[in-house]
């Protein structure tokens, strides 16, 4: 039996960090919104490795990240090795936000 509450916490937190919606995650991962909803709610149901791997990749984690959380019950804390990747993601997110703001201003929103 897996720790699906820990998986739910990790997925929901990461979605907030990346500022993505359930629909966006479904599109990126190829997983149905209904399945994602169950995962986000921590529904106690075994998930396949391929499902967890697809969501992990879509959330920019190593492929086995969510499987490890389901088994070990918690996510690894970011390490010094993760810092460059996290910094890069933050820069990318800031750039995307600027682009969206520029587009919105052009559209008169």
PDB file of N, CA and C in Angstrom:
ATOM      1  N   UNK A   1       0.842  -1.174   0.000  1.00  0.00           N
ATOM      2  CA  UNK A   1       0.000   0.000   0.000  1.00  0.00           C
ATOM      3  C   UNK A   1       0.890   1.241   0.000  1.00  0.00           C
ATOM      4  N   UNK A   2       0.557   2.228  -0.831  1.00  0.00           N
ATOM      5  CA  UNK A   2       1.367   3.421  -0.948  1.00  0.00           C
ATOM      6  C   UNK A   2       0.889   4.551  -0.049  1.00  0.00           C
ATOM      7  N   UNK A   3       1.729   5.516   0.127  1.00  0.00           N
ATOM      8  CA  UNK A   3       1.367   6.715   0.892  1.00  0.00           C
ATOM      9  C   UNK A   3       0.825   7.749  -0.098  1.00  0.00           C
ATOM     10  N   UNK A   4      -0.445   7.632  -0.423  1.00  0.00           N
ATOM     11  CA  UNK A   4      -1.055   8.479  -1.448  1.00  0.00           C
ATOM     12  C   UNK A   4      -1.298   9.893  -0.955  1.00  0.00           C
ATOM     13  N   UNK A   5      -1.391  10.085   0.375  1.00  0.00           N
ATOM     14  CA  UNK A   5      -1.511  11.441   0.914  1.00  0.00           C
ATOM     15  C   UNK A   5      -0.212  12.216   0.663  1.00  0.00           C
ATOM     16  N   UNK A   6       0.924  11.537   0.808  1.00  0.00           N
ATOM     17  CA  UNK A   6       2.214  12.183   0.544  1.00  0.00           C
ATOM     18  C   UNK A   6       2.357  12.514  -0.932  1.00  0.00           C
ATOM     19  N   UNK A   7       1.884  11.620  -1.798  1.00  0.00           N
ATOM     20  CA  UNK A   7       1.917  11.878  -3.238  1.00  0.00           C
ATOM     21  C   UNK A   7       1.046  13.088  -3.549  1.00  0.00           C
ATOM     22  N   UNK A   8      -0.147  13.141  -2.960  1.00  0.00           N
ATOM     23  CA  UNK A   8      -1.058  14.271  -3.193  1.00  0.00           C
ATOM     24  C   UNK A   8      -0.411  15.583  -2.768  1.00  0.00           C
ATOM     25  N   UNK A   9       0.200  15.597  -1.593  1.00  0.00           N
ATOM     26  CA  UNK A   9       0.855  16.827  -1.117  1.00  0.00           C
ATOM     27  C   UNK A   9       1.945  17.265  -2.088  1.00  0.00           C
ATOM     28  N   UNK A  10       2.752  16.309  -2.532  1.00  0.00           N
ATOM     29  CA  UNK A  10       3.862  16.630  -3.434  1.00  0.00           C
ATOM     30  C   UNK A  10       3.350  17.171  -4.764  1.00  0.00           C
ATOM     31  N   UNK A  11       2.345  16.526  -5.338  1.00  0.00           N
ATOM     32  CA  UNK A  11       1.804  16.961  -6.629  1.00  0.00           C
ATOM     33  C   UNK A  11       1.182  18.345  -6.500  1.00  0.00           C
ATOM     34  N   UNK A  12       0.366  18.545  -5.483  1.00  0.00           N
ATOM     35  CA  UNK A  12      -0.301  19.841  -5.315  1.00  0.00           C
ATOM     36  C   UNK A  12       0.692  20.969  -5.070  1.00  0.00           C
ATOM     37  N   UNK A  13       1.699  20.697  -4.260  1.00  0.00           N
ATOM     38  CA  UNK A  13       2.718  21.716  -3.997  1.00  0.00           C
ATOM     39  C   UNK A  13       3.487  22.064  -5.270  1.00  0.00           C
ATOM     40  N   UNK A  14       3.843  21.044  -6.027  1.00  0.00           N
ATOM     41  CA  UNK A  14       4.611  21.273  -7.251  1.00  0.00           C
ATOM     42  C   UNK A  14       3.780  22.026  -8.285  1.00  0.00           C
ATOM     43  N   UNK A  15       2.496  21.717  -8.367  1.00  0.00           N
ATOM     44  CA  UNK A  15       1.638  22.447  -9.294  1.00  0.00           C
ATOM     45  C   UNK A  15       1.586  23.927  -8.920  1.00  0.00           C
ATOM     46  N   UNK A  16       1.536  24.214  -7.625  1.00  0.00           N
ATOM     47  CA  UNK A  16       1.568  25.626  -7.181  1.00  0.00           C
ATOM     48  C   UNK A  16       2.903  26.266  -7.548  1.00  0.00           C
ATOM     49  N   UNK A  17       4.007  25.541  -7.317  1.00  0.00           N
ATOM     50  CA  UNK A  17       5.332  26.077  -7.637  1.00  0.00           C
ATOM     51  C   UNK A  17       5.459  26.405  -9.117  1.00  0.00           C
ATOM     52  N   UNK A  18       4.945  25.520  -9.961  1.00  0.00           N
ATOM     53  CA  UNK A  18       5.051  25.703 -11.407  1.00  0.00           C
ATOM     54  C   UNK A  18       3.907  26.551 -11.966  1.00  0.00           C
ATOM     55  N   UNK A  19       2.951  26.863 -11.101  1.00  0.00           N
ATOM     56  CA  UNK A  19       1.791  27.673 -11.486  1.00  0.00           C
ATOM     57  C   UNK A  19       1.059  27.047 -12.676  1.00  0.00           C
ATOM     58  N   UNK A  20       0.720  25.753 -12.526  1.00  0.00           N
ATOM     59  CA  UNK A  20      -0.018  25.065 -13.581  1.00  0.00           C
ATOM     60  C   UNK A  20      -1.333  24.524 -13.020  1.00  0.00           C
ATOM     61  N   UNK A  21      -2.295  24.400 -13.890  1.00  0.00           N
ATOM     62  CA  UNK A  21      -3.606  23.893 -13.515  1.00  0.00           C
ATOM     63  C   UNK A  21      -3.676  22.388 -13.710  1.00  0.00           C
ATOM     64  N   UNK A  22      -4.757  21.827 -13.209  1.00  0.00           N
ATOM     65  CA  UNK A  22      -4.979  20.399 -13.390  1.00  0.00           C
ATOM     66  C   UNK A  22      -5.096  20.073 -14.873  1.00  0.00           C
ATOM     67  N   UNK A  23      -5.768  20.924 -15.614  1.00  0.00           N
ATOM     68  CA  UNK A  23      -5.921  20.699 -17.058  1.00  0.00           C
ATOM     69  C   UNK A  23      -4.558  20.703 -17.750  1.00  0.00           C
ATOM     70  N   UNK A  24      -3.695  21.668 -17.373  1.00  0.00           N
ATOM     71  CA  UNK A  24      -2.361  21.724 -17.973  1.00  0.00           C
ATOM     72  C   UNK A  24      -1.554  20.475 -17.637  1.00  0.00           C
ATOM     73  N   UNK A  25      -1.658  20.036 -16.395  1.00  0.00           N
ATOM     74  CA  UNK A  25      -0.925  18.835 -16.001  1.00  0.00           C
ATOM     75  C   UNK A  25      -1.461  17.616 -16.748  1.00  0.00           C
ATOM     76  N   UNK A  26      -2.752  17.552 -16.933  1.00  0.00           N
ATOM     77  CA  UNK A  26      -3.344  16.435 -17.687  1.00  0.00           C
ATOM     78  C   UNK A  26      -2.804  16.420 -19.114  1.00  0.00           C
ATOM     79  N   UNK A  27      -2.754  17.587 -19.733  1.00  0.00           N
ATOM     80  CA  UNK A  27      -2.252  17.670 -21.106  1.00  0.00           C
ATOM     81  C   UNK A  27      -0.778  17.303 -21.187  1.00  0.00           C
ATOM     82  N   UNK A  28       0.018  17.803 -20.247  1.00  0.00           N
ATOM     83  CA  UNK A  28       1.462  17.529 -20.262  1.00  0.00           C
ATOM     84  C   UNK A  28       1.782  16.066 -19.990  1.00  0.00           C
ATOM     85  N   UNK A  29       0.986  15.447 -19.125  1.00  0.00           N
ATOM     86  CA  UNK A  29       1.289  14.075 -18.698  1.00  0.00           C
ATOM     87  C   UNK A  29       0.557  13.006 -19.499  1.00  0.00           C
ATOM     88  N   UNK A  30      -0.544  13.390 -20.140  1.00  0.00           N
ATOM     89  CA  UNK A  30      -1.351  12.400 -20.844  1.00  0.00           C
ATOM     90  C   UNK A  30      -2.237  11.586 -19.900  1.00  0.00           C
ATOM     91  N   UNK A  31      -2.393  12.057 -18.680  1.00  0.00           N
ATOM     92  CA  UNK A  31      -3.218  11.388 -17.669  1.00  0.00           C
ATOM     93  C   UNK A  31      -4.560  12.110 -17.608  1.00  0.00           C
ATOM     94  N   UNK A  32      -5.631  11.375 -17.455  1.00  0.00           N
ATOM     95  CA  UNK A  32      -6.962  11.978 -17.460  1.00  0.00           C
ATOM     96  C   UNK A  32      -7.148  12.909 -16.260  1.00  0.00           C
ATOM     97  N   UNK A  33      -7.941  13.970 -16.440  1.00  0.00           N
ATOM     98  CA  UNK A  33      -8.229  14.865 -15.308  1.00  0.00           C
ATOM     99  C   UNK A  33      -8.865  14.123 -14.131  1.00  0.00           C
ATOM    100  N   UNK A  34      -9.684  13.122 -14.398  1.00  0.00           N
ATOM    101  CA  UNK A  34     -10.314  12.362 -13.309  1.00  0.00           C
ATOM    102  C   UNK A  34      -9.264  11.623 -12.476  1.00  0.00           C
ATOM    103  N   UNK A  35      -8.294  11.008 -13.141  1.00  0.00           N
ATOM    104  CA  UNK A  35      -7.221  10.308 -12.423  1.00  0.00           C
ATOM    105  C   UNK A  35      -6.373  11.301 -11.646  1.00  0.00           C
ATOM    106  N   UNK A  36      -6.054  12.440 -12.275  1.00  0.00           N
ATOM    107  CA  UNK A  36      -5.269  13.457 -11.569  1.00  0.00           C
ATOM    108  C   UNK A  36      -6.017  13.967 -10.338  1.00  0.00           C
ATOM    109  N   UNK A  37      -7.311  14.168 -10.466  1.00  0.00           N
ATOM    110  CA  UNK A  37      -8.117  14.641  -9.335  1.00  0.00           C
ATOM    111  C   UNK A  37      -8.004  13.651  -8.172  1.00  0.00           C
ATOM    112  N   UNK A  38      -8.123  12.356  -8.470  1.00  0.00           N
ATOM    113  CA  UNK A  38      -7.990  11.343  -7.429  1.00  0.00           C
ATOM    114  C   UNK A  38      -6.608  11.384  -6.777  1.00  0.00           C
ATOM    115  N   UNK A  39      -5.585  11.549  -7.600  1.00  0.00           N
ATOM    116  CA  UNK A  39      -4.218  11.622  -7.072  1.00  0.00           C
ATOM    117  C   UNK A  39      -4.054  12.862  -6.203  1.00  0.00           C
ATOM    118  N   UNK A  40      -4.573  13.989  -6.665  1.00  0.00           N
ATOM    119  CA  UNK A  40      -4.472  15.232  -5.900  1.00  0.00           C
ATOM    120  C   UNK A  40      -5.234  15.154  -4.579  1.00  0.00           C
ATOM    121  N   UNK A  41      -6.265  14.338  -4.527  1.00  0.00           N
ATOM    122  CA  UNK A  41      -7.049  14.184  -3.305  1.00  0.00           C
ATOM    123  C   UNK A  41      -6.499  13.094  -2.394  1.00  0.00           C
ATOM    124  N   UNK A  42      -5.490  12.366  -2.875  1.00  0.00           N
ATOM    125  CA  UNK A  42      -4.877  11.312  -2.064  1.00  0.00           C
ATOM    126  C   UNK A  42      -5.713  10.051  -1.993  1.00  0.00           C
ATOM    127  N   UNK A  43      -6.557   9.831  -2.997  1.00  0.00           N
ATOM    128  CA  UNK A  43      -7.392   8.633  -3.024  1.00  0.00           C
ATOM    129  C   UNK A  43      -6.519   7.393  -2.903  1.00  0.00           C
ATOM    130  N   UNK A  44      -6.902   6.521  -1.996  1.00  0.00           N
ATOM    131  CA  UNK A  44      -6.112   5.331  -1.691  1.00  0.00           C
ATOM    132  C   UNK A  44      -6.341   4.258  -2.761  1.00  0.00           C
ATOM    133  N   UNK A  45      -5.613   4.390  -3.848  1.00  0.00           N
ATOM    134  CA  UNK A  45      -5.706   3.432  -4.951  1.00  0.00           C
ATOM    135  C   UNK A  45      -4.321   3.282  -5.559  1.00  0.00           C
ATOM    136  N   UNK A  46      -3.897   2.054  -5.752  1.00  0.00           N
ATOM    137  CA  UNK A  46      -2.584   1.787  -6.334  1.00  0.00           C
ATOM    138  C   UNK A  46      -2.514   2.377  -7.744  1.00  0.00           C
ATOM    139  N   UNK A  47      -1.424   3.014  -8.072  1.00  0.00           N
ATOM    140  CA  UNK A  47      -1.210   3.604  -9.397  1.00  0.00           C
ATOM    141  C   UNK A  47      -0.065   2.881 -10.091  1.00  0.00           C
ATOM    142  N   UNK A  48      -0.157   2.816 -11.407  1.00  0.00           N
ATOM    143  CA  UNK A  48       0.899   2.149 -12.163  1.00  0.00           C
ATOM    144  C   UNK A  48       2.158   3.007 -12.185  1.00  0.00           C
ATOM    145  N   UNK A  49       3.278   2.346 -12.394  1.00  0.00           N
ATOM    146  CA  UNK A  49       4.550   3.064 -12.522  1.00  0.00           C
ATOM    147  C   UNK A  49       4.490   4.049 -13.685  1.00  0.00           C
ATOM    148  N   UNK A  50       3.843   3.651 -14.774  1.00  0.00           N
ATOM    149  CA  UNK A  50       3.795   4.533 -15.944  1.00  0.00           C
ATOM    150  C   UNK A  50       2.981   5.789 -15.663  1.00  0.00           C
ATOM    151  N   UNK A  51       1.905   5.675 -14.881  1.00  0.00           N
ATOM    152  CA  UNK A  51       1.112   6.849 -14.513  1.00  0.00           C
ATOM    153  C   UNK A  51       1.942   7.793 -13.654  1.00  0.00           C
ATOM    154  N   UNK A  52       2.584   7.249 -12.629  1.00  0.00           N
ATOM    155  CA  UNK A  52       3.398   8.076 -11.742  1.00  0.00           C
ATOM    156  C   UNK A  52       4.583   8.681 -12.488  1.00  0.00           C
ATOM    157  N   UNK A  53       5.175   7.925 -13.407  1.00  0.00           N
ATOM    158  CA  UNK A  53       6.309   8.439 -14.182  1.00  0.00           C
ATOM    159  C   UNK A  53       5.870   9.573 -15.095  1.00  0.00           C
ATOM    160  N   UNK A  54       4.715   9.443 -15.731  1.00  0.00           N
ATOM    161  CA  UNK A  54       4.224  10.488 -16.635  1.00  0.00           C
ATOM    162  C   UNK A  54       3.969  11.786 -15.874  1.00  0.00           C
ATOM    163  N   UNK A  55       3.390  11.672 -14.697  1.00  0.00           N
ATOM    164  CA  UNK A  55       3.123  12.872 -13.892  1.00  0.00           C
ATOM    165  C   UNK A  55       4.438  13.465 -13.392  1.00  0.00           C
ATOM    166  N   UNK A  56       5.345  12.619 -12.950  1.00  0.00           N
ATOM    167  CA  UNK A  56       6.659  13.107 -12.490  1.00  0.00           C
ATOM    168  C   UNK A  56       7.365  13.886 -13.587  1.00  0.00           C
ATOM    169  N   UNK A  57       7.408  13.329 -14.798  1.00  0.00           N
ATOM    170  CA  UNK A  57       8.068  14.021 -15.912  1.00  0.00           C
ATOM    171  C   UNK A  57       7.374  15.350 -16.214  1.00  0.00           C
ATOM    172  N   UNK A  58       6.057  15.350 -16.200  1.00  0.00           N
ATOM    173  CA  UNK A  58       5.309  16.570 -16.499  1.00  0.00           C
ATOM    174  C   UNK A  58       5.555  17.649 -15.446  1.00  0.00           C
ATOM    175  N   UNK A  59       5.884  17.228 -14.231  1.00  0.00           N
ATOM    176  CA  UNK A  59       6.176  18.169 -13.156  1.00  0.00           C
ATOM    177  C   UNK A  59       7.679  18.466 -13.045  1.00  0.00           C
ATOM    178  N   UNK A  60       8.434  18.019 -14.054  1.00  0.00           N
ATOM    179  CA  UNK A  60       9.879  18.270 -14.143  1.00  0.00           C
ATOM    180  C   UNK A  60      10.670  17.646 -13.005  1.00  0.00           C
ATOM    181  N   UNK A  61      10.259  16.453 -12.657  1.00  0.00           N
ATOM    182  CA  UNK A  61      10.952  15.662 -11.657  1.00  0.00           C
ATOM    183  C   UNK A  61      11.559  14.445 -12.338  1.00  0.00           C
ATOM    184  N   UNK A  62      12.479  13.755 -11.665  1.00  0.00           N
ATOM    185  CA  UNK A  62      12.944  12.477 -12.197  1.00  0.00           C
ATOM    186  C   UNK A  62      11.758  11.521 -12.335  1.00  0.00           C
ATOM    187  N   UNK A  63      11.857  10.636 -13.276  1.00  0.00           N
ATOM    188  CA  UNK A  63      10.751   9.738 -13.598  1.00  0.00           C
ATOM    189  C   UNK A  63      10.240   8.930 -12.400  1.00  0.00           C
ATOM    190  N   UNK A  64      11.112   8.551 -11.491  1.00  0.00           N
ATOM    191  CA  UNK A  64      10.692   7.710 -10.370  1.00  0.00           C
ATOM    192  C   UNK A  64      10.337   8.501  -9.108  1.00  0.00           C
ATOM    193  N   UNK A  65      10.258   9.818  -9.201  1.00  0.00           N
ATOM    194  CA  UNK A  65      10.061  10.653  -8.017  1.00  0.00           C
ATOM    195  C   UNK A  65       8.756  10.318  -7.269  1.00  0.00           C
ATOM    196  N   UNK A  66       7.632  10.318  -7.956  1.00  0.00           N
ATOM    197  CA  UNK A  66       6.362  10.053  -7.270  1.00  0.00           C
ATOM    198  C   UNK A  66       6.259   8.607  -6.788  1.00  0.00           C
ATOM    199  N   UNK A  67       6.849   7.675  -7.512  1.00  0.00           N
ATOM    200  CA  UNK A  67       6.843   6.294  -7.043  1.00  0.00           C
ATOM    201  C   UNK A  67       7.601   6.192  -5.725  1.00  0.00           C
ATOM    202  N   UNK A  68       8.752   6.872  -5.659  1.00  0.00           N
ATOM    203  CA  UNK A  68       9.530   6.856  -4.412  1.00  0.00           C
ATOM    204  C   UNK A  68       8.747   7.482  -3.261  1.00  0.00           C
ATOM    205  N   UNK A  69       8.049   8.577  -3.546  1.00  0.00           N
ATOM    206  CA  UNK A  69       7.233   9.195  -2.494  1.00  0.00           C
ATOM    207  C   UNK A  69       6.154   8.226  -2.030  1.00  0.00           C
ATOM    208  N   UNK A  70       5.526   7.527  -2.975  1.00  0.00           N
ATOM    209  CA  UNK A  70       4.463   6.594  -2.587  1.00  0.00           C
ATOM    210  C   UNK A  70       4.997   5.477  -1.690  1.00  0.00           C
ATOM    211  N   UNK A  71       6.231   5.074  -1.911  1.00  0.00           N
ATOM    212  CA  UNK A  71       6.835   3.989  -1.137  1.00  0.00           C
ATOM    213  C   UNK A  71       7.431   4.509   0.170  1.00  0.00           C
ATOM    214  N   UNK A  72       8.149   5.626   0.094  1.00  0.00           N
ATOM    215  CA  UNK A  72       8.880   6.134   1.256  1.00  0.00           C
ATOM    216  C   UNK A  72       8.062   7.100   2.099  1.00  0.00           C
ATOM    217  N   UNK A  73       7.001   7.653   1.530  1.00  0.00           N
ATOM    218  CA  UNK A  73       6.114   8.503   2.307  1.00  0.00           C
ATOM    219  C   UNK A  73       6.455   9.968   2.345  1.00  0.00           C
ATOM    220  N   UNK A  74       7.545  10.357   1.744  1.00  0.00           N
ATOM    221  CA  UNK A  74       7.873  11.784   1.726  1.00  0.00           C
ATOM    222  C   UNK A  74       8.827  12.074   0.587  1.00  0.00           C
ATOM    223  N   UNK A  75       8.810  13.322   0.185  1.00  0.00           N
ATOM    224  CA  UNK A  75       9.708  13.747  -0.885  1.00  0.00           C
ATOM    225  C   UNK A  75      11.065  14.095  -0.302  1.00  0.00           C
ATOM    226  N   UNK A  76      12.079  13.868  -1.097  1.00  0.00           N
ATOM    227  CA  UNK A  76      13.404  14.311  -0.702  1.00  0.00           C
ATOM    228  C   UNK A  76      13.428  15.830  -0.703  1.00  0.00           C
ATOM    229  N   UNK A  77      14.134  16.389   0.241  1.00  0.00           N
ATOM    230  CA  UNK A  77      14.318  17.841   0.260  1.00  0.00           C
ATOM    231  C   UNK A  77      15.279  18.222  -0.856  1.00  0.00           C
ATOM    232  N   UNK A  78      15.073  19.403  -1.464  1.00  0.00           N
ATOM    233  CA  UNK A  78      16.014  19.834  -2.501  1.00  0.00           C
ATOM    234  C   UNK A  78      17.434  19.877  -1.951  1.00  0.00           C
ATOM    235  N   UNK A  79      18.375  19.491  -2.782  1.00  0.00           N
ATOM    236  CA  UNK A  79      19.780  19.501  -2.383  1.00  0.00           C
ATOM    237  C   UNK A  79      20.500  20.618  -3.127  1.00  0.00           C
ATOM    238  N   UNK A  80      21.765  20.796  -2.804  1.00  0.00           N
ATOM    239  CA  UNK A  80      22.570  21.802  -3.492  1.00  0.00           C
ATOM    240  C   UNK A  80      22.647  21.503  -4.984  1.00  0.00           C
ATOM    241  N   UNK A  81      22.579  20.215  -5.333  1.00  0.00           N
ATOM    242  CA  UNK A  81      22.606  19.832  -6.744  1.00  0.00           C
ATOM    243  C   UNK A  81      21.361  20.308  -7.481  1.00  0.00           C
ATOM    244  N   UNK A  82      20.244  20.451  -6.759  1.00  0.00           N
ATOM    245  CA  UNK A  82      18.986  20.883  -7.364  1.00  0.00           C
ATOM    246  C   UNK A  82      18.925  22.399  -7.568  1.00  0.00           C
ATOM    247  N   UNK A  83      19.759  23.154  -6.875  1.00  0.00           N
ATOM    248  CA  UNK A  83      19.689  24.610  -6.895  1.00  0.00           C
ATOM    249  C   UNK A  83      19.759  25.202  -8.304  1.00  0.00           C
ATOM    250  N   UNK A  84      20.697  24.791  -9.153  1.00  0.00           N
ATOM    251  CA  UNK A  84      20.721  25.363 -10.499  1.00  0.00           C
ATOM    252  C   UNK A  84      19.436  25.091 -11.286  1.00  0.00           C
ATOM    253  N   UNK A  85      18.889  23.896 -11.148  1.00  0.00           N
ATOM    254  CA  UNK A  85      17.652  23.566 -11.858  1.00  0.00           C
ATOM    255  C   UNK A  85      16.497  24.398 -11.331  1.00  0.00           C
ATOM    256  N   UNK A  86      16.421  24.574 -10.020  1.00  0.00           N
ATOM    257  CA  UNK A  86      15.353  25.383  -9.440  1.00  0.00           C
ATOM    258  C   UNK A  86      15.492  26.843  -9.853  1.00  0.00           C
ATOM    259  N   UNK A  87      16.708  27.346  -9.863  1.00  0.00           N
ATOM    260  CA  UNK A  87      16.935  28.725 -10.280  1.00  0.00           C
ATOM    261  C   UNK A  87      16.532  28.910 -11.735  1.00  0.00           C
ATOM    262  N   UNK A  88      16.861  27.943 -12.558  1.00  0.00           N
ATOM    263  CA  UNK A  88      16.501  28.004 -13.966  1.00  0.00           C
ATOM    264  C   UNK A  88      14.986  28.000 -14.141  1.00  0.00           C
ATOM    265  N   UNK A  89      14.298  27.170 -13.381  1.00  0.00           N
ATOM    266  CA  UNK A  89      12.836  27.136 -13.450  1.00  0.00           C
ATOM    267  C   UNK A  89      12.220  28.461 -13.021  1.00  0.00           C
ATOM    268  N   UNK A  90      12.770  29.044 -11.984  1.00  0.00           N
ATOM    269  CA  UNK A  90      12.254  30.337 -11.515  1.00  0.00           C
ATOM    270  C   UNK A  90      12.458  31.421 -12.570  1.00  0.00           C
ATOM    271  N   UNK A  91      13.616  31.417 -13.207  1.00  0.00           N
ATOM    272  CA  UNK A  91      13.881  32.388 -14.270  1.00  0.00           C
ATOM    273  C   UNK A  91      12.931  32.180 -15.440  1.00  0.00           C
ATOM    274  N   UNK A  92      12.725  30.936 -15.811  1.00  0.00           N
ATOM    275  CA  UNK A  92      11.825  30.609 -16.912  1.00  0.00           C
ATOM    276  C   UNK A  92      10.399  31.051 -16.589  1.00  0.00           C
ATOM    277  N   UNK A  93       9.970  30.814 -15.365  1.00  0.00           N
ATOM    278  CA  UNK A  93       8.636  31.217 -14.949  1.00  0.00           C
ATOM    279  C   UNK A  93       8.487  32.738 -14.970  1.00  0.00           C
ATOM    280  N   UNK A  94       9.495  33.452 -14.500  1.00  0.00           N
ATOM    281  CA  UNK A  94       9.444  34.914 -14.516  1.00  0.00           C
ATOM    282  C   UNK A  94       9.368  35.438 -15.945  1.00  0.00           C
ATOM    283  N   UNK A  95      10.137  34.827 -16.843  1.00  0.00           N
ATOM    284  CA  UNK A  95      10.117  35.233 -18.251  1.00  0.00           C
ATOM    285  C   UNK A  95       8.738  34.969 -18.869  1.00  0.00           C
ATOM    286  N   UNK A  96       8.161  33.826 -18.558  1.00  0.00           N
ATOM    287  CA  UNK A  96       6.832  33.507 -19.085  1.00  0.00           C
ATOM    288  C   UNK A  96       5.780  34.478 -18.558  1.00  0.00           C
ATOM    289  N   UNK A  97       5.888  34.835 -17.302  1.00  0.00           N
ATOM    290  CA  UNK A  97       4.939  35.807 -16.738  1.00  0.00           C
ATOM    291  C   UNK A  97       5.060  37.149 -17.454  1.00  0.00           C
ATOM    292  N   UNK A  98       6.288  37.567 -17.751  1.00  0.00           N
ATOM    293  CA  UNK A  98       6.486  38.827 -18.474  1.00  0.00           C
ATOM    294  C   UNK A  98       5.871  38.759 -19.864  1.00  0.00           C
ATOM    295  N   UNK A  99       6.030  37.632 -20.517  1.00  0.00           N
ATOM    296  CA  UNK A  99       5.456  37.467 -21.860  1.00  0.00           C
ATOM    297  C   UNK A  99       3.932  37.531 -21.817  1.00  0.00           C
ATOM    298  N   UNK A 100       3.351  36.877 -20.816  1.00  0.00           N
ATOM    299  CA  UNK A 100       1.895  36.899 -20.682  1.00  0.00           C
ATOM    300  C   UNK A 100       1.410  38.320 -20.426  1.00  0.00           C
ATOM    301  N   UNK A 101       2.095  39.038 -19.553  1.00  0.00           N
ATOM    302  CA  UNK A 101       1.719  40.425 -19.273  1.00  0.00           C
ATOM    303  C   UNK A 101       1.810  41.282 -20.534  1.00  0.00           C
ATOM    304  N   UNK A 102       2.860  41.085 -21.325  1.00  0.00           N
ATOM    305  CA  UNK A 102       3.021  41.840 -22.569  1.00  0.00           C
ATOM    306  C   UNK A 102       1.882  41.513 -23.540  1.00  0.00           C
ATOM    307  N   UNK A 103       1.536  40.241 -23.658  1.00  0.00           N
ATOM    308  CA  UNK A 103       0.435  39.849 -24.529  1.00  0.00           C
ATOM    309  C   UNK A 103      -0.892  40.422 -24.056  1.00  0.00           C
ATOM    310  N   UNK A 104      -1.108  40.379 -22.760  1.00  0.00           N
ATOM    311  CA  UNK A 104      -2.355  40.920 -22.216  1.00  0.00           C
ATOM    312  C   UNK A 104      -2.456  42.424 -22.455  1.00  0.00           C
ATOM    313  N   UNK A 105      -1.335  43.126 -22.329  1.00  0.00           N
ATOM    314  CA  UNK A 105      -1.364  44.571 -22.563  1.00  0.00           C
ATOM    315  C   UNK A 105      -1.658  44.890 -24.022  1.00  0.00           C
ATOM    316  N   UNK A 106      -1.143  44.058 -24.926  1.00  0.00           N
ATOM    317  CA  UNK A 106      -1.412  44.239 -26.344  1.00  0.00           C
ATOM    318  C   UNK A 106      -2.880  43.985 -26.677  1.00  0.00           C
ATOM    319  N   UNK A 107      -3.476  43.053 -25.929  1.00  0.00           N
ATOM    320  CA  UNK A 107      -4.878  42.706 -26.164  1.00  0.00           C
ATOM    321  C   UNK A 107      -5.832  43.647 -25.435  1.00  0.00           C
ATOM    322  N   UNK A 108      -5.265  44.528 -24.640  1.00  0.00           N
ATOM    323  CA  UNK A 108      -6.071  45.514 -23.940  1.00  0.00           C
ATOM    324  C   UNK A 108      -6.752  45.001 -22.678  1.00  0.00           C
ATOM    325  N   UNK A 109      -6.186  43.956 -22.099  1.00  0.00           N
ATOM    326  CA  UNK A 109      -6.779  43.419 -20.869  1.00  0.00           C
ATOM    327  C   UNK A 109      -6.236  44.119 -19.667  1.00  0.00           C
TER     328      UNK A 109
END
